Amino acid sequence: PALHDRVIIVNGVSKAYAMTGWRIGYLAAPLKIAKAVSKLQGQSTSG
């Protein structure tokens, strides 16, 4: 609990579901960081 608000989890479907070529991963983070990452992604690859 003491760390939850500053941990950024990254995971995805590539290894567990044998989906490497599908190219889907995710980030779960404190809201401020998630918004910053979304802002960055919006100016690079988009969705």
All heavy atoms as atom14 arrays in JSON, in Angstrom:
{
  "sequence": "PALHDRVIIVNGVSKAYAMTGWRIGYLAAPLKIAKAVSKLQGQSTSG",
  "atom14_mask": [
    [1, 1, 1, 1, 1, 1, 1, 0, 0, 0, 0, 0, 0, 0],
    [1, 1, 1, 1, 1, 0, 0, 0, 0, 0, 0, 0, 0, 0],
    [1, 1, 1, 1, 1, 1, 1, 1, 0, 0, 0, 0, 0, 0],
    [1, 1, 1, 1, 1, 1, 1, 1, 1, 1, 0, 0, 0, 0],
    [1, 1, 1, 1, 1, 1, 1, 1, 0, 0, 0, 0, 0, 0],
    [1, 1, 1, 1, 1, 1, 1, 1, 1, 1, 1, 0, 0, 0],
    [1, 1, 1, 1, 1, 1, 1, 0, 0, 0, 0, 0, 0, 0],
    [1, 1, 1, 1, 1, 1, 1, 1, 0, 0, 0, 0, 0, 0],
    [1, 1, 1, 1, 1, 1, 1, 1, 0, 0, 0, 0, 0, 0],
    [1, 1, 1, 1, 1, 1, 1, 0, 0, 0, 0, 0, 0, 0],
    [1, 1, 1, 1, 1, 1, 1, 1, 0, 0, 0, 0, 0, 0],
    [1, 1, 1, 1, 0, 0, 0, 0, 0, 0, 0, 0, 0, 0],
    [1, 1, 1, 1, 1, 1, 1, 0, 0, 0, 0, 0, 0, 0],
    [1, 1, 1, 1, 1, 1, 0, 0, 0, 0, 0, 0, 0, 0],
    [1, 1, 1, 1, 1, 1, 1, 1, 1, 0, 0, 0, 0, 0],
    [1, 1, 1, 1, 1, 0, 0, 0, 0, 0, 0, 0, 0, 0],
    [1, 1, 1, 1, 1, 1, 1, 1, 1, 1, 1, 1, 0, 0],
    [1, 1, 1, 1, 1, 0, 0, 0, 0, 0, 0, 0, 0, 0],
    [1, 1, 1, 1, 1, 1, 1, 1, 0, 0, 0, 0, 0, 0],
    [1, 1, 1, 1, 1, 1, 1, 0, 0, 0, 0, 0, 0, 0],
    [1, 1, 1, 1, 0, 0, 0, 0, 0, 0, 0, 0, 0, 0],
    [1, 1, 1, 1, 1, 1, 1, 1, 1, 1, 1, 1, 1, 1],
    [1, 1, 1, 1, 1, 1, 1, 1, 1, 1, 1, 0, 0, 0],
    [1, 1, 1, 1, 1, 1, 1, 1, 0, 0, 0, 0, 0, 0],
    [1, 1, 1, 1, 0, 0, 0, 0, 0, 0, 0, 0, 0, 0],
    [1, 1, 1, 1, 1, 1, 1, 1, 1, 1, 1, 1, 0, 0],
    [1, 1, 1, 1, 1, 1, 1, 1, 0, 0, 0, 0, 0, 0],
    [1, 1, 1, 1, 1, 0, 0, 0, 0, 0, 0, 0, 0, 0],
    [1, 1, 1, 1, 1, 0, 0, 0, 0, 0, 0, 0, 0, 0],
    [1, 1, 1, 1, 1, 1, 1, 0, 0, 0, 0, 0, 0, 0],
    [1, 1, 1, 1, 1, 1, 1, 1, 0, 0, 0, 0, 0, 0],
    [1, 1, 1, 1, 1, 1, 1, 1, 1, 0, 0, 0, 0, 0],
    [1, 1, 1, 1, 1, 1, 1, 1, 0, 0, 0, 0, 0, 0],
    [1, 1, 1, 1, 1, 0, 0, 0, 0, 0, 0, 0, 0, 0],
    [1, 1, 1, 1, 1, 1, 1, 1, 1, 0, 0, 0, 0, 0],
    [1, 1, 1, 1, 1, 0, 0, 0, 0, 0, 0, 0, 0, 0],
    [1, 1, 1, 1, 1, 1, 1, 0, 0, 0, 0, 0, 0, 0],
    [1, 1, 1, 1, 1, 1, 0, 0, 0, 0, 0, 0, 0, 0],
    [1, 1, 1, 1, 1, 1, 1, 1, 1, 0, 0, 0, 0, 0],
    [1, 1, 1, 1, 1, 1, 1, 1, 0, 0, 0, 0, 0, 0],
    [1, 1, 1, 1, 1, 1, 1, 1, 1, 0, 0, 0, 0, 0],
    [1, 1, 1, 1, 0, 0, 0, 0, 0, 0, 0, 0, 0, 0],
    [1, 1, 1, 1, 1, 1, 1, 1, 1, 0, 0, 0, 0, 0],
    [1, 1, 1, 1, 1, 1, 0, 0, 0, 0, 0, 0, 0, 0],
    [1, 1, 1, 1, 1, 1, 1, 0, 0, 0, 0, 0, 0, 0],
    [1, 1, 1, 1, 1, 1, 0, 0, 0, 0, 0, 0, 0, 0],
    [1, 1, 1, 1, 0, 0, 0, 0, 0, 0, 0, 0, 0, 0]
  ],
  "atom14_positions": [
    [[0.8, -1.24, 0.0], [0.0, 0.0, 0.0], [0.83, 1.28, 0.0], [0.46, 2.26, -0.65], [-0.84, -0.12, 1.28], [-0.96, -1.6, 1.51], [0.36, -2.17, 1.07], [0.0, 0.0, 0.0], [0.0, 0.0, 0.0], [0.0, 0.0, 0.0], [0.0, 0.0, 0.0], [0.0, 0.0, 0.0], [0.0, 0.0, 0.0], [0.0, 0.0, 0.0]],
    [[1.94, 1.27, 0.69], [2.74, 2.5, 0.78], [3.35, 2.89, -0.56], [3.75, 4.05, -0.75], [3.85, 2.31, 1.82], [0.0, 0.0, 0.0], [0.0, 0.0, 0.0], [0.0, 0.0, 0.0], [0.0, 0.0, 0.0], [0.0, 0.0, 0.0], [0.0, 0.0, 0.0], [0.0, 0.0, 0.0], [0.0, 0.0, 0.0], [0.0, 0.0, 0.0]],
    [[3.42, 1.94, -1.49], [4.04, 2.22, -2.79], [3.03, 2.35, -3.92], [3.37, 2.81, -5.02], [5.03, 1.1, -3.16], [6.19, 0.82, -2.21], [7.08, -0.25, -2.79], [6.98, 2.08, -1.93], [0.0, 0.0, 0.0], [0.0, 0.0, 0.0], [0.0, 0.0, 0.0], [0.0, 0.0, 0.0], [0.0, 0.0, 0.0], [0.0, 0.0, 0.0]],
    [[1.8, 1.92, -3.69], [0.83, 1.79, -4.79], [0.7, 3.06, -5.62], [0.6, 2.99, -6.85], [-0.54, 1.38, -4.24], [-1.6, 1.26, -5.28], [-1.57, 0.27, -6.26], [-2.69, 2.0, -5.53], [-2.62, 0.41, -7.06], [-3.31, 1.45, -6.64], [0.0, 0.0, 0.0], [0.0, 0.0, 0.0], [0.0, 0.0, 0.0], [0.0, 0.0, 0.0]],
    [[0.74, 4.22, -4.99], [0.52, 5.47, -5.71], [1.73, 5.96, -6.49], [1.69, 7.05, -7.07], [0.06, 6.56, -4.73], [-1.35, 6.3, -4.21], [-2.09, 5.55, -4.86], [-1.7, 6.85, -3.15], [0.0, 0.0, 0.0], [0.0, 0.0, 0.0], [0.0, 0.0, 0.0], [0.0, 0.0, 0.0], [0.0, 0.0, 0.0], [0.0, 0.0, 0.0]],
    [[2.8, 5.19, -6.5], [3.95, 5.57, -7.33], [4.52, 4.39, -8.12], [5.64, 4.45, -8.62], [5.02, 6.26, -6.51], [5.43, 5.56, -5.22], [6.25, 6.51, -4.36], [6.54, 6.0, -3.05], [7.74, 5.57, -2.66], [8.75, 5.58, -3.51], [7.93, 5.13, -1.42], [0.0, 0.0, 0.0], [0.0, 0.0, 0.0], [0.0, 0.0, 0.0]],
    [[3.73, 3.34, -8.24], [4.12, 2.21, -9.07], [3.44, 2.32, -10.43], [2.24, 2.59, -10.52], [3.75, 0.86, -8.42], [4.05, -0.3, -9.37], [4.52, 0.67, -7.12], [0.0, 0.0, 0.0], [0.0, 0.0, 0.0], [0.0, 0.0, 0.0], [0.0, 0.0, 0.0], [0.0, 0.0, 0.0], [0.0, 0.0, 0.0], [0.0, 0.0, 0.0]],
    [[4.23, 2.13, -11.49], [3.72, 2.09, -12.85], [3.85, 0.65, -13.32], [4.97, 0.13, -13.47], [4.53, 3.02, -13.78], [4.55, 4.44, -13.23], [3.98, 2.97, -15.2], [5.64, 5.31, -13.85], [0.0, 0.0, 0.0], [0.0, 0.0, 0.0], [0.0, 0.0, 0.0], [0.0, 0.0, 0.0], [0.0, 0.0, 0.0], [0.0, 0.0, 0.0]],
    [[2.73, -0.02, -13.54], [2.75, -1.41, -14.01], [2.68, -1.42, -15.53], [1.85, -0.73, -16.13], [1.56, -2.2, -13.43], [1.64, -2.29, -11.9], [1.48, -3.59, -14.04], [0.41, -2.92, -11.27], [0.0, 0.0, 0.0], [0.0, 0.0, 0.0], [0.0, 0.0, 0.0], [0.0, 0.0, 0.0], [0.0, 0.0, 0.0], [0.0, 0.0, 0.0]],
    [[3.54, -2.21, -16.14], [3.48, -2.42, -17.58], [3.32, -3.92, -17.83], [4.04, -4.74, -17.27], [4.73, -1.88, -18.29], [4.73, -2.28, -19.76], [4.8, -0.36, -18.16], [0.0, 0.0, 0.0], [0.0, 0.0, 0.0], [0.0, 0.0, 0.0], [0.0, 0.0, 0.0], [0.0, 0.0, 0.0], [0.0, 0.0, 0.0], [0.0, 0.0, 0.0]],
    [[2.36, -4.25, -18.68], [2.08, -5.65, -18.99], [1.45, -5.69, -20.38], [1.35, -4.67, -21.04], [1.16, -6.26, -17.92], [1.32, -7.76, -17.77], [1.64, -8.46, -18.73], [1.09, -8.26, -16.57], [0.0, 0.0, 0.0], [0.0, 0.0, 0.0], [0.0, 0.0, 0.0], [0.0, 0.0, 0.0], [0.0, 0.0, 0.0], [0.0, 0.0, 0.0]],
    [[1.0, -6.85, -20.8], [0.4, -6.95, -22.12], [0.05, -8.39, -22.45], [0.18, -9.29, -21.62], [0.0, 0.0, 0.0], [0.0, 0.0, 0.0], [0.0, 0.0, 0.0], [0.0, 0.0, 0.0], [0.0, 0.0, 0.0], [0.0, 0.0, 0.0], [0.0, 0.0, 0.0], [0.0, 0.0, 0.0], [0.0, 0.0, 0.0], [0.0, 0.0, 0.0]],
    [[-0.35, -8.59, -23.7], [-0.86, -9.9, -24.12], [0.17, -10.74, -24.86], [-0.09, -11.9, -25.17], [-2.11, -9.74, -25.01], [-3.26, -9.12, -24.22], [-1.81, -8.9, -26.25], [0.0, 0.0, 0.0], [0.0, 0.0, 0.0], [0.0, 0.0, 0.0], [0.0, 0.0, 0.0], [0.0, 0.0, 0.0], [0.0, 0.0, 0.0], [0.0, 0.0, 0.0]],
    [[1.34, -10.19, -25.14], [2.26, -10.84, -26.07], [2.74, -12.2, -25.6], [2.75, -13.17, -26.37], [3.46, -9.94, -26.36], [4.17, -9.66, -25.17], [0.0, 0.0, 0.0], [0.0, 0.0, 0.0], [0.0, 0.0, 0.0], [0.0, 0.0, 0.0], [0.0, 0.0, 0.0], [0.0, 0.0, 0.0], [0.0, 0.0, 0.0], [0.0, 0.0, 0.0]],
    [[3.15, -12.32, -24.35], [3.76, -13.56, -23.87], [2.71, -14.56, -23.39], [2.71, -15.72, -23.79], [4.76, -13.27, -22.75], [5.74, -12.14, -23.02], [6.62, -12.39, -24.21], [7.64, -11.25, -24.36], [8.51, -11.39, -25.53], [0.0, 0.0, 0.0], [0.0, 0.0, 0.0], [0.0, 0.0, 0.0], [0.0, 0.0, 0.0], [0.0, 0.0, 0.0]],
    [[1.8, -14.11, -22.52], [0.84, -15.03, -21.91], [-0.12, -15.63, -22.92], [-0.54, -16.79, -22.79], [0.05, -14.31, -20.82], [0.0, 0.0, 0.0], [0.0, 0.0, 0.0], [0.0, 0.0, 0.0], [0.0, 0.0, 0.0], [0.0, 0.0, 0.0], [0.0, 0.0, 0.0], [0.0, 0.0, 0.0], [0.0, 0.0, 0.0], [0.0, 0.0, 0.0]],
    [[-0.49, -14.85, -23.95], [-1.48, -15.31, -24.91], [-0.89, -15.57, -26.3], [-1.62, -15.72, -27.27], [-2.61, -14.27, -25.03], [-3.33, -14.01, -23.73], [-2.96, -12.94, -22.92], [-4.37, -14.83, -23.31], [-3.61, -12.69, -21.71], [-5.02, -14.59, -22.11], [-4.65, -13.52, -21.31], [-5.3, -13.27, -20.13], [0.0, 0.0, 0.0], [0.0, 0.0, 0.0]],
    [[0.44, -15.63, -26.39], [1.12, -15.87, -27.67], [0.64, -14.87, -28.74], [0.21, -15.24, -29.82], [0.89, -17.31, -28.14], [0.0, 0.0, 0.0], [0.0, 0.0, 0.0], [0.0, 0.0, 0.0], [0.0, 0.0, 0.0], [0.0, 0.0, 0.0], [0.0, 0.0, 0.0], [0.0, 0.0, 0.0], [0.0, 0.0, 0.0], [0.0, 0.0, 0.0]],
    [[0.74, -13.59, -28.41], [0.25, -12.53, -29.29], [1.32, -11.48, -29.58], [1.03, -10.29, -29.68], [-0.99, -11.86, -28.66], [-2.19, -12.76, -28.53], [-3.6, -11.97, -27.68], [-4.06, -10.71, -28.89], [0.0, 0.0, 0.0], [0.0, 0.0, 0.0], [0.0, 0.0, 0.0], [0.0, 0.0, 0.0], [0.0, 0.0, 0.0], [0.0, 0.0, 0.0]],
    [[2.57, -11.91, -29.74], [3.65, -10.94, -29.93], [3.4, -10.01, -31.12], [3.66, -8.81, -31.04], [5.0, -11.66, -30.11], [4.86, -12.66, -31.12], [5.44, -12.33, -28.82], [0.0, 0.0, 0.0], [0.0, 0.0, 0.0], [0.0, 0.0, 0.0], [0.0, 0.0, 0.0], [0.0, 0.0, 0.0], [0.0, 0.0, 0.0], [0.0, 0.0, 0.0]],
    [[2.91, -10.54, -32.22], [2.72, -9.72, -33.41], [1.5, -8.82, -33.39], [1.39, -7.93, -34.23], [0.0, 0.0, 0.0], [0.0, 0.0, 0.0], [0.0, 0.0, 0.0], [0.0, 0.0, 0.0], [0.0, 0.0, 0.0], [0.0, 0.0, 0.0], [0.0, 0.0, 0.0], [0.0, 0.0, 0.0], [0.0, 0.0, 0.0], [0.0, 0.0, 0.0]],
    [[0.63, -9.02, -32.43], [-0.56, -8.18, -32.34], [-0.24, -6.79, -31.79], [-0.99, -5.84, -32.0], [-1.61, -8.84, -31.44], [-2.14, -10.14, -31.96], [-1.53, -11.37, -31.87], [-3.37, -10.36, -32.65], [-2.32, -12.33, -32.45], [-3.46, -11.74, -32.94], [-4.43, -9.53, -33.03], [-4.55, -12.31, -33.6], [-5.5, -10.08, -33.69], [-5.56, -11.45, -33.97]],
    [[0.86, -6.68, -31.06], [1.38, -5.41, -30.55], [0.39, -4.67, -29.65], [-0.01, -3.53, -29.92], [1.83, -4.48, -31.7], [2.79, -5.08, -32.71], [3.98, -5.79, -32.09], [4.75, -4.91, -31.22], [5.21, -5.29, -30.02], [4.97, -6.49, -29.53], [5.91, -4.45, -29.29], [0.0, 0.0, 0.0], [0.0, 0.0, 0.0], [0.0, 0.0, 0.0]],
    [[0.02, -5.33, -28.54], [-0.83, -4.68, -27.55], [-0.22, -4.85, -26.17], [-0.01, -5.97, -25.69], [-2.26, -5.25, -27.55], [-2.98, -4.94, -28.85], [-3.06, -4.7, -26.36], [-3.3, -3.46, -29.07], [0.0, 0.0, 0.0], [0.0, 0.0, 0.0], [0.0, 0.0, 0.0], [0.0, 0.0, 0.0], [0.0, 0.0, 0.0], [0.0, 0.0, 0.0]],
    [[0.08, -3.72, -25.54], [0.53, -3.7, -24.16], [-0.21, -2.61, -23.43], [-0.95, -1.82, -24.05], [0.0, 0.0, 0.0], [0.0, 0.0, 0.0], [0.0, 0.0, 0.0], [0.0, 0.0, 0.0], [0.0, 0.0, 0.0], [0.0, 0.0, 0.0], [0.0, 0.0, 0.0], [0.0, 0.0, 0.0], [0.0, 0.0, 0.0], [0.0, 0.0, 0.0]],
    [[-0.06, -2.55, -22.12], [-0.74, -1.49, -21.38], [0.12, -1.01, -20.23], [1.04, -1.68, -19.77], [-2.1, -1.96, -20.86], [-2.05, -3.0, -19.76], [-1.81, -2.64, -18.42], [-2.27, -4.34, -20.03], [-1.77, -3.58, -17.41], [-2.23, -5.3, -19.02], [-1.98, -4.9, -17.71], [-1.92, -5.85, -16.72], [0.0, 0.0, 0.0], [0.0, 0.0, 0.0]],
    [[-0.22, 0.18, -19.77], [0.38, 0.79, -18.6], [-0.74, 1.1, -17.62], [-1.8, 1.61, -18.02], [1.12, 2.05, -19.03], [1.67, 3.03, -18.0], [2.92, 3.7, -18.55], [0.63, 4.12, -17.69], [0.0, 0.0, 0.0], [0.0, 0.0, 0.0], [0.0, 0.0, 0.0], [0.0, 0.0, 0.0], [0.0, 0.0, 0.0], [0.0, 0.0, 0.0]],
    [[-0.53, 0.76, -16.35], [-1.46, 1.1, -15.28], [-0.69, 1.95, -14.28], [0.32, 1.51, -13.74], [-2.01, -0.16, -14.61], [0.0, 0.0, 0.0], [0.0, 0.0, 0.0], [0.0, 0.0, 0.0], [0.0, 0.0, 0.0], [0.0, 0.0, 0.0], [0.0, 0.0, 0.0], [0.0, 0.0, 0.0], [0.0, 0.0, 0.0], [0.0, 0.0, 0.0]],
    [[-1.16, 3.17, -14.03], [-0.33, 4.11, -13.29], [-1.19, 5.1, -12.51], [-2.41, 5.23, -12.75], [0.57, 4.87, -14.26], [0.0, 0.0, 0.0], [0.0, 0.0, 0.0], [0.0, 0.0, 0.0], [0.0, 0.0, 0.0], [0.0, 0.0, 0.0], [0.0, 0.0, 0.0], [0.0, 0.0, 0.0], [0.0, 0.0, 0.0], [0.0, 0.0, 0.0]],
    [[-0.57, 5.83, -11.59], [-1.28, 6.97, -10.98], [-1.84, 7.88, -12.07], [-1.24, 8.02, -13.14], [-0.17, 7.66, -10.18], [0.8, 6.57, -9.86], [0.79, 5.67, -11.06], [0.0, 0.0, 0.0], [0.0, 0.0, 0.0], [0.0, 0.0, 0.0], [0.0, 0.0, 0.0], [0.0, 0.0, 0.0], [0.0, 0.0, 0.0], [0.0, 0.0, 0.0]],
    [[-2.99, 8.48, -11.8], [-3.71, 9.21, -12.84], [-2.86, 10.28, -13.52], [-2.91, 10.42, -14.75], [-4.97, 9.85, -12.24], [-5.9, 10.56, -13.22], [-6.39, 9.61, -14.31], [-7.08, 11.18, -12.47], [0.0, 0.0, 0.0], [0.0, 0.0, 0.0], [0.0, 0.0, 0.0], [0.0, 0.0, 0.0], [0.0, 0.0, 0.0], [0.0, 0.0, 0.0]],
    [[-2.08, 11.01, -12.76], [-1.27, 12.08, -13.35], [-0.28, 11.52, -14.37], [-0.07, 12.11, -15.44], [-0.52, 12.83, -12.24], [0.22, 14.07, -12.71], [0.8, 14.84, -11.53], [1.48, 16.13, -11.99], [2.02, 16.9, -10.84], [0.0, 0.0, 0.0], [0.0, 0.0, 0.0], [0.0, 0.0, 0.0], [0.0, 0.0, 0.0], [0.0, 0.0, 0.0]],
    [[0.31, 10.37, -14.06], [1.26, 9.75, -14.99], [0.54, 9.18, -16.19], [1.0, 9.32, -17.34], [2.08, 8.66, -14.27], [2.98, 9.31, -13.2], [2.92, 7.86, -15.26], [3.73, 8.31, -12.33], [0.0, 0.0, 0.0], [0.0, 0.0, 0.0], [0.0, 0.0, 0.0], [0.0, 0.0, 0.0], [0.0, 0.0, 0.0], [0.0, 0.0, 0.0]],
    [[-0.61, 8.54, -15.98], [-1.38, 7.99, -17.1], [-1.77, 9.1, -18.08], [-1.69, 8.94, -19.3], [-2.62, 7.27, -16.59], [0.0, 0.0, 0.0], [0.0, 0.0, 0.0], [0.0, 0.0, 0.0], [0.0, 0.0, 0.0], [0.0, 0.0, 0.0], [0.0, 0.0, 0.0], [0.0, 0.0, 0.0], [0.0, 0.0, 0.0], [0.0, 0.0, 0.0]],
    [[-2.18, 10.26, -17.55], [-2.54, 11.38, -18.42], [-1.33, 11.89, -19.2], [-1.43, 12.24, -20.38], [-3.14, 12.51, -17.58], [-4.56, 12.24, -17.1], [-5.11, 13.43, -16.34], [-6.58, 13.23, -15.95], [-7.12, 14.4, -15.2], [0.0, 0.0, 0.0], [0.0, 0.0, 0.0], [0.0, 0.0, 0.0], [0.0, 0.0, 0.0], [0.0, 0.0, 0.0]],
    [[-0.17, 11.93, -18.53], [1.05, 12.38, -19.21], [1.44, 11.43, -20.33], [1.84, 11.86, -21.42], [2.18, 12.52, -18.2], [0.0, 0.0, 0.0], [0.0, 0.0, 0.0], [0.0, 0.0, 0.0], [0.0, 0.0, 0.0], [0.0, 0.0, 0.0], [0.0, 0.0, 0.0], [0.0, 0.0, 0.0], [0.0, 0.0, 0.0], [0.0, 0.0, 0.0]],
    [[1.33, 10.13, -20.06], [1.66, 9.13, -21.08], [0.69, 9.22, -22.25], [1.09, 9.13, -23.42], [1.66, 7.72, -20.45], [1.67, 6.64, -21.53], [2.86, 7.55, -19.54], [0.0, 0.0, 0.0], [0.0, 0.0, 0.0], [0.0, 0.0, 0.0], [0.0, 0.0, 0.0], [0.0, 0.0, 0.0], [0.0, 0.0, 0.0], [0.0, 0.0, 0.0]],
    [[-0.59, 9.4, -21.95], [-1.59, 9.55, -23.01], [-1.3, 10.8, -23.86], [-1.44, 10.78, -25.09], [-2.98, 9.63, -22.4], [-3.97, 9.65, -23.42], [0.0, 0.0, 0.0], [0.0, 0.0, 0.0], [0.0, 0.0, 0.0], [0.0, 0.0, 0.0], [0.0, 0.0, 0.0], [0.0, 0.0, 0.0], [0.0, 0.0, 0.0], [0.0, 0.0, 0.0]],
    [[-0.89, 11.87, -23.21], [-0.52, 13.11, -23.93], [0.64, 12.85, -24.88], [0.62, 13.28, -26.05], [-0.16, 14.17, -22.9], [0.25, 15.52, -23.46], [0.59, 16.46, -22.31], [1.04, 17.83, -22.8], [1.4, 18.73, -21.66], [0.0, 0.0, 0.0], [0.0, 0.0, 0.0], [0.0, 0.0, 0.0], [0.0, 0.0, 0.0], [0.0, 0.0, 0.0]],
    [[1.65, 12.14, -24.39], [2.8, 11.8, -25.21], [2.39, 10.9, -26.38], [2.77, 11.14, -27.53], [3.86, 11.1, -24.36], [5.03, 10.44, -25.09], [5.84, 11.48, -25.86], [5.92, 9.69, -24.1], [0.0, 0.0, 0.0], [0.0, 0.0, 0.0], [0.0, 0.0, 0.0], [0.0, 0.0, 0.0], [0.0, 0.0, 0.0], [0.0, 0.0, 0.0]],
    [[1.6, 9.89, -26.07], [1.19, 8.95, -27.11], [0.34, 9.63, -28.18], [0.4, 9.3, -29.35], [0.42, 7.78, -26.48], [0.23, 6.59, -27.4], [-0.11, 5.33, -26.61], [0.7, 4.83, -25.85], [-1.31, 4.82, -26.79], [0.0, 0.0, 0.0], [0.0, 0.0, 0.0], [0.0, 0.0, 0.0], [0.0, 0.0, 0.0], [0.0, 0.0, 0.0]],
    [[-0.43, 10.63, -27.76], [-1.25, 11.38, -28.7], [-0.44, 12.15, -29.72], [-0.93, 12.47, -30.81], [0.0, 0.0, 0.0], [0.0, 0.0, 0.0], [0.0, 0.0, 0.0], [0.0, 0.0, 0.0], [0.0, 0.0, 0.0], [0.0, 0.0, 0.0], [0.0, 0.0, 0.0], [0.0, 0.0, 0.0], [0.0, 0.0, 0.0], [0.0, 0.0, 0.0]],
    [[0.81, 12.45, -29.39], [1.68, 13.16, -30.31], [2.69, 12.24, -30.99], [3.59, 12.72, -31.69], [2.41, 14.29, -29.58], [1.5, 15.39, -29.07], [0.89, 16.23, -30.17], [1.03, 15.93, -31.36], [0.19, 17.29, -29.8], [0.0, 0.0, 0.0], [0.0, 0.0, 0.0], [0.0, 0.0, 0.0], [0.0, 0.0, 0.0], [0.0, 0.0, 0.0]],
    [[2.56, 10.94, -30.76], [3.48, 10.01, -31.41], [2.71, 8.99, -32.24], [2.48, 9.2, -33.43], [4.39, 9.32, -30.38], [3.63, 8.69, -29.36], [0.0, 0.0, 0.0], [0.0, 0.0, 0.0], [0.0, 0.0, 0.0], [0.0, 0.0, 0.0], [0.0, 0.0, 0.0], [0.0, 0.0, 0.0], [0.0, 0.0, 0.0], [0.0, 0.0, 0.0]],
    [[2.24, 7.93, -31.62], [1.56, 6.87, -32.39], [0.05, 6.98, -32.39], [-0.62, 6.32, -33.18], [1.93, 5.49, -31.82], [1.49, 5.41, -30.47], [3.41, 5.25, -31.92], [0.0, 0.0, 0.0], [0.0, 0.0, 0.0], [0.0, 0.0, 0.0], [0.0, 0.0, 0.0], [0.0, 0.0, 0.0], [0.0, 0.0, 0.0], [0.0, 0.0, 0.0]],
    [[-0.53, 7.76, -31.48], [-1.98, 7.75, -31.23], [-2.4, 6.37, -30.74], [-1.6, 5.65, -30.16], [-2.74, 8.19, -32.48], [-2.38, 9.51, -32.84], [0.0, 0.0, 0.0], [0.0, 0.0, 0.0], [0.0, 0.0, 0.0], [0.0, 0.0, 0.0], [0.0, 0.0, 0.0], [0.0, 0.0, 0.0], [0.0, 0.0, 0.0], [0.0, 0.0, 0.0]],
    [[-3.64, 5.99, -30.99], [-4.15, 4.73, -30.47], [-3.61, 3.52, -31.19], [-3.22, 3.58, -32.35], [0.0, 0.0, 0.0], [0.0, 0.0, 0.0], [0.0, 0.0, 0.0], [0.0, 0.0, 0.0], [0.0, 0.0, 0.0], [0.0, 0.0, 0.0], [0.0, 0.0, 0.0], [0.0, 0.0, 0.0], [0.0, 0.0, 0.0], [0.0, 0.0, 0.0]]
  ]
}
